Amino acid sequence: DIRTTTIRPPAREYRFDDPSDDYELNLGHPQHRALLRRLLLREEPGRKVTDAFSDISFSGLPPRFRLEECAKVDDFGVPQVPTQGTINFTYGAAWPSTPRSNSGGAMAKAEDWIWHGRVPL
């Protein structure tokens, strides 16, 4: 069963419901670049995209490189991520202000699911 398969290096595990974790991404690896793009596209109400990133360090990138350069998107809405170098950071996803109970109504619950990257079946 593919759902119980362990992730083998150099692939990196990503949890859609809570991606908070310490990351070490090799930007020469396509899956690592895709993961960084996914984190950069994860919108959180009331926060800048880069606010969720902390303890950022780079290697193999220009000395003046900043994460904000990756947050810029092209005409297709895809973040422009370098194809070489390494980036280390801690990602902290904020929890939504929408409650998960029925007290927020059907729309609030749906927004909460979407915010967490879940799709109710």
C-alpha atoms as a PDB file:
ATOM      1  CA  ASP A   1       0.000   0.000   0.000  1.00  0.00           C
ATOM      2  CA  ILE A   2       1.614   3.259  -1.108  1.00  0.00           C
ATOM      3  CA  ARG A   3       0.104   5.242   1.753  1.00  0.00           C
ATOM      4  CA  THR A   4       2.169   3.334   4.321  1.00  0.00           C
ATOM      5  CA  THR A   5       5.436   3.511   2.394  1.00  0.00           C
ATOM      6  CA  THR A   6       8.265   5.318   4.149  1.00  0.00           C
ATOM      7  CA  ILE A   7       9.866   8.281   2.439  1.00  0.00           C
ATOM      8  CA  ARG A   8      13.443   7.530   1.415  1.00  0.00           C
ATOM      9  CA  PRO A   9      16.171  10.161   1.091  1.00  0.00           C
ATOM     10  CA  PRO A  10      16.657  12.424  -0.730  1.00  0.00           C
ATOM     11  CA  ALA A  11      12.849  12.841  -0.874  1.00  0.00           C
ATOM     12  CA  ARG A  12      11.393  15.000   1.908  1.00  0.00           C
ATOM     13  CA  GLU A  13       8.122  14.333   3.716  1.00  0.00           C
ATOM     14  CA  TYR A  14       5.494  17.094   3.693  1.00  0.00           C
ATOM     15  CA  ARG A  15       2.373  17.130   5.845  1.00  0.00           C
ATOM     16  CA  PHE A  16      -0.447  19.090   4.225  1.00  0.00           C
ATOM     17  CA  ASP A  17      -2.410  19.457   7.450  1.00  0.00           C
ATOM     18  CA  ASP A  18       0.519  20.935   9.401  1.00  0.00           C
ATOM     19  CA  PRO A  19       3.773  21.572   7.530  1.00  0.00           C
ATOM     20  CA  SER A  20       5.466  23.064  10.614  1.00  0.00           C
ATOM     21  CA  ASP A  21       8.938  21.540  10.784  1.00  0.00           C
ATOM     22  CA  ASP A  22      12.667  22.121  10.390  1.00  0.00           C
ATOM     23  CA  TYR A  23      13.654  21.875   6.739  1.00  0.00           C
ATOM     24  CA  GLU A  24      16.941  21.331   4.945  1.00  0.00           C
ATOM     25  CA  LEU A  25      16.256  21.554   1.219  1.00  0.00           C
ATOM     26  CA  ASN A  26      18.698  20.907  -1.608  1.00  0.00           C
ATOM     27  CA  LEU A  27      17.419  23.198  -4.355  1.00  0.00           C
ATOM     28  CA  GLY A  28      19.063  21.015  -6.999  1.00  0.00           C
ATOM     29  CA  HIS A  29      16.444  18.353  -6.175  1.00  0.00           C
ATOM     30  CA  PRO A  30      13.094  18.912  -7.973  1.00  0.00           C
ATOM     31  CA  GLN A  31      10.983  17.633  -5.064  1.00  0.00           C
ATOM     32  CA  HIS A  32      12.734  19.971  -2.629  1.00  0.00           C
ATOM     33  CA  ARG A  33      12.072  22.950  -4.930  1.00  0.00           C
ATOM     34  CA  ALA A  34       8.414  21.903  -5.223  1.00  0.00           C
ATOM     35  CA  LEU A  35       8.144  21.697  -1.439  1.00  0.00           C
ATOM     36  CA  LEU A  36       9.601  25.198  -1.044  1.00  0.00           C
ATOM     37  CA  ARG A  37       7.156  26.507  -3.681  1.00  0.00           C
ATOM     38  CA  ARG A  38       4.272  24.858  -1.817  1.00  0.00           C
ATOM     39  CA  LEU A  39       5.284  26.523   1.444  1.00  0.00           C
ATOM     40  CA  LEU A  40       5.658  29.882  -0.306  1.00  0.00           C
ATOM     41  CA  LEU A  41       2.158  29.552  -1.790  1.00  0.00           C
ATOM     42  CA  ARG A  42       0.572  28.650   1.557  1.00  0.00           C
ATOM     43  CA  GLU A  43      -1.383  31.773   2.450  1.00  0.00           C
ATOM     44  CA  GLU A  44      -2.215  32.505   6.037  1.00  0.00           C
ATOM     45  CA  PRO A  45      -4.667  35.259   6.960  1.00  0.00           C
ATOM     46  CA  GLY A  46      -3.001  38.374   8.350  1.00  0.00           C
ATOM     47  CA  ARG A  47       0.573  37.202   7.680  1.00  0.00           C
ATOM     48  CA  LYS A  48       3.122  37.853   4.984  1.00  0.00           C
ATOM     49  CA  VAL A  49       4.229  34.704   3.182  1.00  0.00           C
ATOM     50  CA  THR A  50       7.735  34.905   4.605  1.00  0.00           C
ATOM     51  CA  ASP A  51       6.567  35.428   8.229  1.00  0.00           C
ATOM     52  CA  ALA A  52       6.194  31.665   8.681  1.00  0.00           C
ATOM     53  CA  PHE A  53       9.919  31.119   7.956  1.00  0.00           C
ATOM     54  CA  SER A  54      12.532  31.550  10.697  1.00  0.00           C
ATOM     55  CA  ASP A  55      16.172  30.588  11.368  1.00  0.00           C
ATOM     56  CA  ILE A  56      16.901  30.842   7.639  1.00  0.00           C
ATOM     57  CA  SER A  57      20.352  30.040   6.318  1.00  0.00           C
ATOM     58  CA  PHE A  58      21.607  29.553   2.772  1.00  0.00           C
ATOM     59  CA  SER A  59      24.623  27.908   1.207  1.00  0.00           C
ATOM     60  CA  GLY A  60      25.642  27.838  -2.435  1.00  0.00           C
ATOM     61  CA  LEU A  61      23.556  30.943  -3.201  1.00  0.00           C
ATOM     62  CA  PRO A  62      24.649  34.550  -3.817  1.00  0.00           C
ATOM     63  CA  PRO A  63      25.683  36.301  -0.544  1.00  0.00           C
ATOM     64  CA  ARG A  64      22.859  38.854  -0.755  1.00  0.00           C
ATOM     65  CA  PHE A  65      20.156  36.287  -1.551  1.00  0.00           C
ATOM     66  CA  ARG A  66      16.959  36.674   0.480  1.00  0.00           C
ATOM     67  CA  LEU A  67      13.895  34.447   0.816  1.00  0.00           C
ATOM     68  CA  GLU A  68      11.715  37.317  -0.434  1.00  0.00           C
ATOM     69  CA  GLU A  69      13.243  36.752  -3.875  1.00  0.00           C
ATOM     70  CA  CYS A  70      11.668  33.275  -3.929  1.00  0.00           C
ATOM     71  CA  ALA A  71       8.308  34.691  -2.838  1.00  0.00           C
ATOM     72  CA  LYS A  72       8.003  36.580  -6.122  1.00  0.00           C
ATOM     73  CA  VAL A  73       5.787  34.711  -8.572  1.00  0.00           C
ATOM     74  CA  ASP A  74       5.950  34.592 -12.366  1.00  0.00           C
ATOM     75  CA  ASP A  75       3.070  35.237 -14.775  1.00  0.00           C
ATOM     76  CA  PHE A  76       1.684  31.764 -14.010  1.00  0.00           C
ATOM     77  CA  GLY A  77       1.690  32.267 -10.233  1.00  0.00           C
ATOM     78  CA  VAL A  78       4.716  30.010  -9.633  1.00  0.00           C
ATOM     79  CA  PRO A  79       7.354  31.158  -7.095  1.00  0.00           C
ATOM     80  CA  GLN A  80      10.789  31.665  -8.636  1.00  0.00           C
ATOM     81  CA  VAL A  81      12.990  29.239  -6.700  1.00  0.00           C
ATOM     82  CA  PRO A  82      16.729  28.818  -7.441  1.00  0.00           C
ATOM     83  CA  THR A  83      17.858  25.505  -8.943  1.00  0.00           C
ATOM     84  CA  GLN A  84      21.053  25.201  -6.923  1.00  0.00           C
ATOM     85  CA  GLY A  85      22.208  25.658  -3.352  1.00  0.00           C
ATOM     86  CA  THR A  86      20.799  24.637   0.006  1.00  0.00           C
ATOM     87  CA  ILE A  87      18.332  26.390   2.279  1.00  0.00           C
ATOM     88  CA  ASN A  88      17.741  25.559   5.939  1.00  0.00           C
ATOM     89  CA  PHE A  89      14.822  27.008   7.879  1.00  0.00           C
ATOM     90  CA  THR A  90      12.106  26.398  10.402  1.00  0.00           C
ATOM     91  CA  TYR A  91       8.562  26.704   9.095  1.00  0.00           C
ATOM     92  CA  GLY A  92       5.817  27.549  11.566  1.00  0.00           C
ATOM     93  CA  ALA A  93       2.273  27.355  10.253  1.00  0.00           C
ATOM     94  CA  ALA A  94      -0.242  29.476  12.140  1.00  0.00           C
ATOM     95  CA  TRP A  95      -3.475  27.877  13.199  1.00  0.00           C
ATOM     96  CA  PRO A  96      -6.602  29.424  11.696  1.00  0.00           C
ATOM     97  CA  SER A  97      -8.873  31.667  13.688  1.00  0.00           C
ATOM     98  CA  THR A  98     -11.829  29.648  12.388  1.00  0.00           C
ATOM     99  CA  PRO A  99     -13.052  27.101  14.926  1.00  0.00           C
ATOM    100  CA  ARG A 100     -13.354  23.487  13.858  1.00  0.00           C
ATOM    101  CA  SER A 101     -16.683  23.033  15.502  1.00  0.00           C
ATOM    102  CA  ASN A 102     -20.124  23.602  14.037  1.00  0.00           C
ATOM    103  CA  SER A 103     -20.350  26.879  15.946  1.00  0.00           C
ATOM    104  CA  GLY A 104     -18.650  28.660  13.036  1.00  0.00           C
ATOM    105  CA  GLY A 105     -21.209  27.432  10.548  1.00  0.00           C
ATOM    106  CA  ALA A 106     -20.727  25.396   7.402  1.00  0.00           C
ATOM    107  CA  MET A 107     -18.716  28.054   5.569  1.00  0.00           C
ATOM    108  CA  ALA A 108     -16.307  28.547   8.481  1.00  0.00           C
ATOM    109  CA  LYS A 109     -15.724  24.812   8.692  1.00  0.00           C
ATOM    110  CA  ALA A 110     -15.111  24.595   4.926  1.00  0.00           C
ATOM    111  CA  GLU A 111     -12.629  27.486   5.087  1.00  0.00           C
ATOM    112  CA  ASP A 112     -10.832  25.715   7.928  1.00  0.00           C
ATOM    113  CA  TRP A 113     -10.518  22.528   5.864  1.00  0.00           C
ATOM    114  CA  ILE A 114      -9.263  24.439   2.832  1.00  0.00           C
ATOM    115  CA  TRP A 115      -6.767  26.371   4.950  1.00  0.00           C
ATOM    116  CA  HIS A 116      -5.345  23.051   6.194  1.00  0.00           C
ATOM    117  CA  GLY A 117      -5.097  21.687   2.667  1.00  0.00           C
ATOM    118  CA  ARG A 118      -7.756  19.047   3.284  1.00  0.00           C
ATOM    119  CA  VAL A 119     -10.662  18.075   1.107  1.00  0.00           C
ATOM    120  CA  PRO A 120     -13.580  16.385   2.842  1.00  0.00           C
ATOM    121  CA  LEU A 121     -14.777  13.358   0.906  1.00  0.00           C
END
